[in-house]
Amino acid sequence: MKRAGKVRDRWHNDIEFYQSKWKKTYDNLNILCGKMNALINNWQLFNDQASHLEQWVEESSANLDDFEQKITSTSIDELEKHLNTMKFFENEISGKQAEFVSLNQIAEKLYIYLTPEGASIIKEKLKIFKDQMTSISKRVQNQVNCIGLKIYSNQEI
């Protein structure tokens, strides 16, 4: 009988040991699933915002190209209309710069999950966005200055 009690105690200890192992494994799995879900959600958000921003950059560059070719008018009313369009565009750029800051914050959350090579690819993509947005902003500012000078010179005549 003593032997049966020892076997039962051993089985009980083994069962407790394996239950404890199973609980730790299950808890670790839940933690990893949570991290994976956060990574997937952040990656999806990054891709969505990056593609939206990329589309805006392409459309804005094309619109600026068209606008720069059409700005030949000397009519003050037309020039003021173009000036208002450019000022509206400046406000839009400010909004997109805020989106870019948000995109950078999302990228920061992704870096901890990526290899150094993956992080550098994202950093390069963000640098390209920043350069493109800076270029658009400078072009718009140049247009505002140019149109303002045309309006000023027409008013003096």
N, C-alpha and C. Protein backbone atom coordinates (compact mmCIF):
# COMPACT_ATOMS: atom_id res chain seq x y z
N MET A 1 0.80 -1.18 0.00
CA MET A 1 0.00 0.00 0.00
C MET A 1 0.85 1.26 0.00
N LYS A 2 1.97 1.14 0.72
CA LYS A 2 2.82 2.31 0.73
C LYS A 2 3.30 2.65 -0.68
N ARG A 3 3.56 1.63 -1.40
CA ARG A 3 4.06 1.82 -2.75
C ARG A 3 2.99 2.48 -3.65
N ALA A 4 1.75 2.08 -3.48
CA ALA A 4 0.65 2.67 -4.26
C ALA A 4 0.50 4.14 -3.91
N GLY A 5 0.69 4.50 -2.65
CA GLY A 5 0.60 5.90 -2.23
C GLY A 5 1.72 6.72 -2.85
N LYS A 6 2.92 6.15 -2.92
CA LYS A 6 4.06 6.86 -3.53
C LYS A 6 3.82 7.08 -5.01
N VAL A 7 3.28 6.09 -5.68
CA VAL A 7 3.00 6.22 -7.13
C VAL A 7 1.95 7.30 -7.34
N ARG A 8 0.91 7.27 -6.50
CA ARG A 8 -0.14 8.27 -6.62
C ARG A 8 0.42 9.67 -6.37
N ASP A 9 1.26 9.83 -5.36
CA ASP A 9 1.88 11.13 -5.07
C ASP A 9 2.77 11.58 -6.24
N ARG A 10 3.48 10.63 -6.79
CA ARG A 10 4.36 10.97 -7.92
C ARG A 10 3.53 11.41 -9.12
N TRP A 11 2.46 10.69 -9.39
CA TRP A 11 1.59 11.06 -10.51
C TRP A 11 0.98 12.44 -10.27
N HIS A 12 0.57 12.65 -9.04
CA HIS A 12 -0.01 13.94 -8.69
C HIS A 12 1.02 15.06 -8.90
N ASN A 13 2.25 14.83 -8.47
CA ASN A 13 3.32 15.82 -8.67
C ASN A 13 3.61 16.01 -10.16
N ASP A 14 3.61 14.91 -10.91
CA ASP A 14 3.84 15.01 -12.35
C ASP A 14 2.72 15.80 -13.02
N ILE A 15 1.49 15.51 -12.61
CA ILE A 15 0.35 16.23 -13.18
C ILE A 15 0.45 17.71 -12.86
N GLU A 16 0.77 18.06 -11.64
CA GLU A 16 0.93 19.47 -11.26
C GLU A 16 2.06 20.12 -12.06
N PHE A 17 3.15 19.37 -12.23
CA PHE A 17 4.29 19.89 -12.98
C PHE A 17 3.88 20.20 -14.43
N TYR A 18 3.20 19.26 -15.06
CA TYR A 18 2.80 19.47 -16.45
C TYR A 18 1.70 20.53 -16.59
N GLN A 19 0.82 20.61 -15.62
CA GLN A 19 -0.19 21.67 -15.64
C GLN A 19 0.47 23.04 -15.52
N SER A 20 1.46 23.12 -14.66
CA SER A 20 2.20 24.38 -14.49
C SER A 20 2.92 24.75 -15.79
N LYS A 21 3.56 23.76 -16.40
CA LYS A 21 4.24 23.99 -17.69
C LYS A 21 3.25 24.44 -18.75
N TRP A 22 2.11 23.76 -18.79
CA TRP A 22 1.08 24.09 -19.79
C TRP A 22 0.57 25.52 -19.57
N LYS A 23 0.35 25.91 -18.33
CA LYS A 23 -0.13 27.26 -18.03
C LYS A 23 0.91 28.30 -18.45
N LYS A 24 2.17 28.07 -18.17
CA LYS A 24 3.22 29.02 -18.58
C LYS A 24 3.29 29.12 -20.11
N THR A 25 3.20 27.97 -20.76
CA THR A 25 3.23 27.96 -22.23
C THR A 25 2.03 28.70 -22.79
N TYR A 26 0.85 28.46 -22.21
CA TYR A 26 -0.37 29.12 -22.67
C TYR A 26 -0.28 30.63 -22.45
N ASP A 27 0.23 31.06 -21.30
CA ASP A 27 0.39 32.48 -21.01
C ASP A 27 1.37 33.13 -21.98
N ASN A 28 2.49 32.45 -22.23
CA ASN A 28 3.49 32.97 -23.18
C ASN A 28 2.91 33.07 -24.59
N LEU A 29 2.11 32.08 -24.95
CA LEU A 29 1.47 32.09 -26.26
C LEU A 29 0.52 33.28 -26.38
N ASN A 30 -0.24 33.56 -25.34
CA ASN A 30 -1.15 34.71 -25.36
C ASN A 30 -0.38 36.02 -25.48
N ILE A 31 0.74 36.13 -24.78
CA ILE A 31 1.57 37.33 -24.87
C ILE A 31 2.10 37.49 -26.29
N LEU A 32 2.60 36.40 -26.85
CA LEU A 32 3.13 36.46 -28.22
C LEU A 32 2.03 36.77 -29.24
N CYS A 33 0.84 36.21 -29.04
CA CYS A 33 -0.28 36.52 -29.94
C CYS A 33 -0.64 38.00 -29.86
N GLY A 34 -0.62 38.55 -28.66
CA GLY A 34 -0.90 39.98 -28.49
C GLY A 34 0.12 40.83 -29.21
N LYS A 35 1.39 40.46 -29.08
CA LYS A 35 2.45 41.20 -29.77
C LYS A 35 2.32 41.07 -31.29
N MET A 36 1.98 39.87 -31.74
CA MET A 36 1.82 39.64 -33.17
C MET A 36 0.64 40.45 -33.71
N ASN A 37 -0.45 40.49 -32.97
CA ASN A 37 -1.61 41.29 -33.39
C ASN A 37 -1.26 42.77 -33.45
N ALA A 38 -0.49 43.25 -32.47
CA ALA A 38 -0.06 44.65 -32.47
C ALA A 38 0.82 44.93 -33.69
N LEU A 39 1.72 44.01 -33.98
CA LEU A 39 2.59 44.17 -35.15
C LEU A 39 1.77 44.21 -36.44
N ILE A 40 0.85 43.28 -36.57
CA ILE A 40 0.02 43.22 -37.78
C ILE A 40 -0.81 44.50 -37.92
N ASN A 41 -1.42 44.94 -36.83
CA ASN A 41 -2.24 46.15 -36.89
C ASN A 41 -1.40 47.38 -37.23
N ASN A 42 -0.23 47.50 -36.60
CA ASN A 42 0.65 48.63 -36.90
C ASN A 42 1.17 48.58 -38.33
N TRP A 43 1.48 47.38 -38.80
CA TRP A 43 1.96 47.24 -40.18
C TRP A 43 0.87 47.64 -41.17
N GLN A 44 -0.34 47.18 -40.91
CA GLN A 44 -1.48 47.52 -41.78
C GLN A 44 -1.71 49.02 -41.78
N LEU A 45 -1.68 49.63 -40.60
CA LEU A 45 -1.87 51.07 -40.48
C LEU A 45 -0.76 51.83 -41.21
N PHE A 46 0.47 51.35 -41.06
CA PHE A 46 1.60 51.97 -41.75
C PHE A 46 1.41 51.90 -43.26
N ASN A 47 1.08 50.72 -43.75
CA ASN A 47 0.89 50.56 -45.20
C ASN A 47 -0.24 51.43 -45.73
N ASP A 48 -1.35 51.47 -45.00
CA ASP A 48 -2.48 52.30 -45.43
C ASP A 48 -2.10 53.77 -45.49
N GLN A 49 -1.49 54.26 -44.41
CA GLN A 49 -1.11 55.68 -44.38
C GLN A 49 -0.02 55.99 -45.40
N ALA A 50 0.93 55.08 -45.56
CA ALA A 50 2.01 55.31 -46.52
C ALA A 50 1.48 55.34 -47.95
N SER A 51 0.57 54.44 -48.29
CA SER A 51 0.03 54.44 -49.65
C SER A 51 -0.83 55.68 -49.89
N HIS A 52 -1.58 56.10 -48.87
CA HIS A 52 -2.38 57.32 -48.98
C HIS A 52 -1.47 58.54 -49.19
N LEU A 53 -0.41 58.61 -48.42
CA LEU A 53 0.54 59.72 -48.54
C LEU A 53 1.27 59.69 -49.88
N GLU A 54 1.63 58.50 -50.31
CA GLU A 54 2.31 58.36 -51.61
C GLU A 54 1.41 58.82 -52.75
N GLN A 55 0.14 58.44 -52.69
CA GLN A 55 -0.81 58.87 -53.72
C GLN A 55 -0.95 60.39 -53.71
N TRP A 56 -1.04 60.98 -52.52
CA TRP A 56 -1.15 62.43 -52.42
C TRP A 56 0.08 63.13 -53.01
N VAL A 57 1.25 62.61 -52.73
CA VAL A 57 2.49 63.20 -53.26
C VAL A 57 2.49 63.16 -54.78
N GLU A 58 2.11 62.02 -55.35
CA GLU A 58 2.08 61.90 -56.82
C GLU A 58 1.06 62.86 -57.43
N GLU A 59 -0.14 62.90 -56.86
CA GLU A 59 -1.17 63.78 -57.39
C GLU A 59 -0.79 65.25 -57.23
N SER A 60 -0.22 65.59 -56.10
CA SER A 60 0.17 66.98 -55.84
C SER A 60 1.27 67.43 -56.79
N SER A 61 2.23 66.57 -57.04
CA SER A 61 3.31 66.91 -57.98
C SER A 61 2.74 67.13 -59.38
N ALA A 62 1.84 66.26 -59.80
CA ALA A 62 1.23 66.40 -61.12
C ALA A 62 0.39 67.68 -61.19
N ASN A 63 -0.38 67.96 -60.14
CA ASN A 63 -1.19 69.18 -60.12
C ASN A 63 -0.31 70.42 -60.15
N LEU A 64 0.79 70.39 -59.42
CA LEU A 64 1.70 71.54 -59.44
C LEU A 64 2.33 71.74 -60.82
N ASP A 65 2.68 70.65 -61.47
CA ASP A 65 3.22 70.75 -62.83
C ASP A 65 2.22 71.42 -63.76
N ASP A 66 0.96 70.98 -63.68
CA ASP A 66 -0.10 71.58 -64.51
C ASP A 66 -0.29 73.05 -64.15
N PHE A 67 -0.31 73.33 -62.86
CA PHE A 67 -0.56 74.69 -62.40
C PHE A 67 0.56 75.64 -62.85
N GLU A 68 1.79 75.17 -62.75
CA GLU A 68 2.93 76.02 -63.12
C GLU A 68 2.91 76.36 -64.61
N GLN A 69 2.39 75.47 -65.42
CA GLN A 69 2.32 75.73 -66.86
C GLN A 69 1.17 76.68 -67.20
N LYS A 70 0.13 76.70 -66.41
CA LYS A 70 -1.05 77.50 -66.72
C LYS A 70 -1.00 78.91 -66.15
N ILE A 71 -0.05 79.22 -65.32
CA ILE A 71 -0.02 80.52 -64.65
C ILE A 71 0.65 81.58 -65.51
N THR A 72 -0.02 81.95 -66.56
CA THR A 72 0.50 82.98 -67.47
C THR A 72 -0.36 84.23 -67.47
N SER A 73 -1.44 84.20 -66.74
CA SER A 73 -2.39 85.31 -66.71
C SER A 73 -1.77 86.53 -66.04
N THR A 74 -2.20 87.71 -66.48
CA THR A 74 -1.78 88.95 -65.84
C THR A 74 -2.96 89.64 -65.17
N SER A 75 -4.14 89.05 -65.29
CA SER A 75 -5.34 89.60 -64.66
C SER A 75 -5.22 89.44 -63.14
N ILE A 76 -5.46 90.53 -62.42
CA ILE A 76 -5.34 90.49 -60.96
C ILE A 76 -6.34 89.51 -60.37
N ASP A 77 -7.54 89.47 -60.92
CA ASP A 77 -8.54 88.52 -60.41
C ASP A 77 -8.09 87.08 -60.57
N GLU A 78 -7.55 86.77 -61.75
CA GLU A 78 -7.04 85.41 -62.00
C GLU A 78 -5.86 85.10 -61.09
N LEU A 79 -4.96 86.06 -60.94
CA LEU A 79 -3.79 85.85 -60.08
C LEU A 79 -4.21 85.64 -58.63
N GLU A 80 -5.18 86.42 -58.16
CA GLU A 80 -5.66 86.26 -56.79
C GLU A 80 -6.34 84.90 -56.60
N LYS A 81 -7.04 84.46 -57.62
CA LYS A 81 -7.67 83.13 -57.58
C LYS A 81 -6.58 82.06 -57.45
N HIS A 82 -5.52 82.19 -58.25
CA HIS A 82 -4.41 81.23 -58.17
C HIS A 82 -3.70 81.32 -56.81
N LEU A 83 -3.56 82.55 -56.31
CA LEU A 83 -2.92 82.73 -55.01
C LEU A 83 -3.73 82.04 -53.91
N ASN A 84 -5.03 82.20 -53.94
CA ASN A 84 -5.89 81.53 -52.95
C ASN A 84 -5.79 80.01 -53.07
N THR A 85 -5.68 79.53 -54.31
CA THR A 85 -5.51 78.08 -54.52
C THR A 85 -4.22 77.59 -53.88
N MET A 86 -3.14 78.36 -54.06
CA MET A 86 -1.85 77.97 -53.49
C MET A 86 -1.87 78.05 -51.97
N LYS A 87 -2.57 79.05 -51.42
CA LYS A 87 -2.66 79.15 -49.96
C LYS A 87 -3.47 77.99 -49.39
N PHE A 88 -4.52 77.60 -50.09
CA PHE A 88 -5.28 76.42 -49.68
C PHE A 88 -4.38 75.18 -49.72
N PHE A 89 -3.56 75.11 -50.75
CA PHE A 89 -2.63 73.99 -50.91
C PHE A 89 -1.60 73.98 -49.78
N GLU A 90 -1.17 75.16 -49.34
CA GLU A 90 -0.24 75.24 -48.20
C GLU A 90 -0.88 74.64 -46.95
N ASN A 91 -2.15 74.94 -46.73
CA ASN A 91 -2.86 74.37 -45.59
C ASN A 91 -2.96 72.86 -45.69
N GLU A 92 -3.20 72.38 -46.90
CA GLU A 92 -3.27 70.93 -47.12
C GLU A 92 -1.92 70.28 -46.82
N ILE A 93 -0.85 70.94 -47.22
CA ILE A 93 0.50 70.43 -46.95
C ILE A 93 0.72 70.32 -45.45
N SER A 94 0.28 71.30 -44.69
CA SER A 94 0.43 71.26 -43.23
C SER A 94 -0.28 70.03 -42.65
N GLY A 95 -1.46 69.75 -43.17
CA GLY A 95 -2.19 68.56 -42.73
C GLY A 95 -1.45 67.28 -43.08
N LYS A 96 -0.89 67.24 -44.26
CA LYS A 96 -0.14 66.04 -44.68
C LYS A 96 1.14 65.89 -43.88
N GLN A 97 1.74 67.00 -43.46
CA GLN A 97 2.94 66.91 -42.62
C GLN A 97 2.58 66.31 -41.26
N ALA A 98 1.39 66.63 -40.76
CA ALA A 98 0.93 66.02 -39.51
C ALA A 98 0.72 64.52 -39.71
N GLU A 99 0.18 64.13 -40.87
CA GLU A 99 0.03 62.69 -41.18
C GLU A 99 1.39 62.01 -41.26
N PHE A 100 2.37 62.74 -41.80
CA PHE A 100 3.72 62.19 -41.90
C PHE A 100 4.32 61.96 -40.51
N VAL A 101 4.07 62.86 -39.58
CA VAL A 101 4.54 62.69 -38.20
C VAL A 101 3.90 61.43 -37.60
N SER A 102 2.62 61.25 -37.85
CA SER A 102 1.91 60.06 -37.38
C SER A 102 2.51 58.79 -37.99
N LEU A 103 2.84 58.87 -39.28
CA LEU A 103 3.46 57.73 -39.97
C LEU A 103 4.82 57.40 -39.33
N ASN A 104 5.58 58.41 -38.97
CA ASN A 104 6.86 58.19 -38.30
C ASN A 104 6.67 57.50 -36.95
N GLN A 105 5.63 57.89 -36.22
CA GLN A 105 5.36 57.28 -34.92
C GLN A 105 4.99 55.81 -35.08
N ILE A 106 4.22 55.51 -36.09
CA ILE A 106 3.87 54.11 -36.34
C ILE A 106 5.12 53.32 -36.71
N ALA A 107 5.97 53.93 -37.53
CA ALA A 107 7.22 53.26 -37.92
C ALA A 107 8.08 52.96 -36.70
N GLU A 108 8.12 53.89 -35.75
CA GLU A 108 8.88 53.67 -34.52
C GLU A 108 8.39 52.42 -33.78
N LYS A 109 7.08 52.21 -33.80
CA LYS A 109 6.52 51.03 -33.15
C LYS A 109 6.91 49.75 -33.90
N LEU A 110 7.10 49.87 -35.21
CA LEU A 110 7.45 48.69 -36.01
C LEU A 110 8.91 48.30 -35.88
N TYR A 111 9.78 49.28 -35.66
CA TYR A 111 11.22 49.02 -35.66
C TYR A 111 11.63 47.93 -34.68
N ILE A 112 10.96 47.85 -33.53
CA ILE A 112 11.37 46.86 -32.52
C ILE A 112 11.13 45.43 -32.99
N TYR A 113 10.26 45.27 -33.98
CA TYR A 113 9.94 43.93 -34.47
C TYR A 113 10.72 43.56 -35.72
N LEU A 114 11.45 44.51 -36.29
CA LEU A 114 12.10 44.30 -37.57
C LEU A 114 13.59 44.06 -37.43
N THR A 115 14.13 43.43 -38.44
CA THR A 115 15.58 43.30 -38.52
C THR A 115 16.16 44.67 -38.86
N PRO A 116 17.44 44.88 -38.64
CA PRO A 116 18.03 46.17 -39.00
C PRO A 116 17.84 46.51 -40.48
N GLU A 117 17.87 45.50 -41.34
CA GLU A 117 17.67 45.74 -42.77
C GLU A 117 16.25 46.21 -43.05
N GLY A 118 15.29 45.58 -42.41
CA GLY A 118 13.89 45.97 -42.58
C GLY A 118 13.64 47.38 -42.06
N ALA A 119 14.22 47.70 -40.92
CA ALA A 119 14.06 49.04 -40.35
C ALA A 119 14.69 50.09 -41.27
N SER A 120 15.84 49.77 -41.86
CA SER A 120 16.49 50.75 -42.74
C SER A 120 15.68 50.96 -44.02
N ILE A 121 14.99 49.94 -44.49
CA ILE A 121 14.12 50.11 -45.68
C ILE A 121 12.98 51.07 -45.36
N ILE A 122 12.38 50.90 -44.20
CA ILE A 122 11.29 51.80 -43.81
C ILE A 122 11.83 53.22 -43.60
N LYS A 123 12.97 53.33 -42.96
CA LYS A 123 13.56 54.66 -42.75
C LYS A 123 13.86 55.35 -44.08
N GLU A 124 14.33 54.59 -45.05
CA GLU A 124 14.61 55.16 -46.37
C GLU A 124 13.32 55.62 -47.05
N LYS A 125 12.27 54.82 -46.93
CA LYS A 125 10.98 55.19 -47.50
C LYS A 125 10.46 56.48 -46.87
N LEU A 126 10.60 56.60 -45.55
CA LEU A 126 10.18 57.81 -44.85
C LEU A 126 11.02 59.02 -45.27
N LYS A 127 12.30 58.81 -45.49
CA LYS A 127 13.16 59.90 -45.94
C LYS A 127 12.74 60.38 -47.33
N ILE A 128 12.39 59.46 -48.19
CA ILE A 128 11.92 59.83 -49.54
C ILE A 128 10.63 60.63 -49.44
N PHE A 129 9.69 60.18 -48.59
CA PHE A 129 8.45 60.94 -48.39
C PHE A 129 8.76 62.35 -47.90
N LYS A 130 9.63 62.45 -46.93
CA LYS A 130 9.97 63.76 -46.37
C LYS A 130 10.57 64.67 -47.44
N ASP A 131 11.49 64.14 -48.23
CA ASP A 131 12.11 64.93 -49.30
C ASP A 131 11.07 65.37 -50.33
N GLN A 132 10.16 64.46 -50.70
CA GLN A 132 9.13 64.81 -51.67
C GLN A 132 8.18 65.87 -51.12
N MET A 133 7.82 65.74 -49.87
CA MET A 133 6.92 66.73 -49.27
C MET A 133 7.61 68.08 -49.13
N THR A 134 8.88 68.07 -48.81
CA THR A 134 9.64 69.32 -48.72
C THR A 134 9.71 69.98 -50.09
N SER A 135 9.93 69.19 -51.11
CA SER A 135 9.98 69.72 -52.47
C SER A 135 8.65 70.36 -52.87
N ILE A 136 7.56 69.66 -52.58
CA ILE A 136 6.23 70.19 -52.90
C ILE A 136 5.99 71.49 -52.13
N SER A 137 6.35 71.50 -50.86
CA SER A 137 6.16 72.69 -50.03
C SER A 137 6.95 73.88 -50.59
N LYS A 138 8.19 73.63 -51.00
CA LYS A 138 9.01 74.71 -51.57
C LYS A 138 8.43 75.21 -52.89
N ARG A 139 7.95 74.30 -53.71
CA ARG A 139 7.35 74.70 -54.99
C ARG A 139 6.11 75.56 -54.77
N VAL A 140 5.29 75.18 -53.80
CA VAL A 140 4.09 75.95 -53.50
C VAL A 140 4.49 77.32 -52.96
N GLN A 141 5.46 77.35 -52.07
CA GLN A 141 5.90 78.64 -51.52
C GLN A 141 6.46 79.53 -52.62
N ASN A 142 7.20 78.96 -53.56
CA ASN A 142 7.71 79.73 -54.70
C ASN A 142 6.55 80.28 -55.54
N GLN A 143 5.52 79.47 -55.73
CA GLN A 143 4.35 79.91 -56.49
C GLN A 143 3.64 81.07 -55.78
N VAL A 144 3.50 80.96 -54.47
CA VAL A 144 2.86 82.02 -53.69
C VAL A 144 3.66 83.31 -53.85
N ASN A 145 4.97 83.20 -53.72
CA ASN A 145 5.83 84.39 -53.86
C ASN A 145 5.75 84.98 -55.26
N CYS A 146 5.80 84.12 -56.27
CA CYS A 146 5.76 84.57 -57.67
C CYS A 146 4.43 85.25 -57.98
N ILE A 147 3.34 84.64 -57.58
CA ILE A 147 2.02 85.21 -57.83
C ILE A 147 1.86 86.52 -57.06
N GLY A 148 2.34 86.55 -55.83
CA GLY A 148 2.27 87.77 -55.05
C GLY A 148 3.03 88.91 -55.71
N LEU A 149 4.19 88.60 -56.26
CA LEU A 149 4.98 89.63 -56.97
C LEU A 149 4.24 90.10 -58.22
N LYS A 150 3.62 89.18 -58.94
CA LYS A 150 2.86 89.57 -60.15
C LYS A 150 1.69 90.48 -59.78
N ILE A 151 1.00 90.14 -58.70
CA ILE A 151 -0.13 90.96 -58.27
C ILE A 151 0.37 92.35 -57.86
N TYR A 152 1.44 92.36 -57.10
CA TYR A 152 2.02 93.64 -56.65
C TYR A 152 2.47 94.50 -57.83
N SER A 153 3.14 93.88 -58.79
CA SER A 153 3.62 94.66 -59.96
C SER A 153 2.46 95.14 -60.83
N ASN A 154 1.38 94.34 -60.94
CA ASN A 154 0.20 94.77 -61.71
C ASN A 154 -0.56 95.90 -61.01
N GLN A 155 -0.54 95.91 -59.69
CA GLN A 155 -1.22 96.96 -58.95
C GLN A 155 -0.47 98.28 -59.06
N GLU A 156 0.83 98.23 -59.23
CA GLU A 156 1.62 99.45 -59.34
C GLU A 156 1.47 100.09 -60.71
N ILE A 157 1.11 99.29 -61.71
CA ILE A 157 0.99 99.82 -63.07
C ILE A 157 -0.21 100.62 -63.24
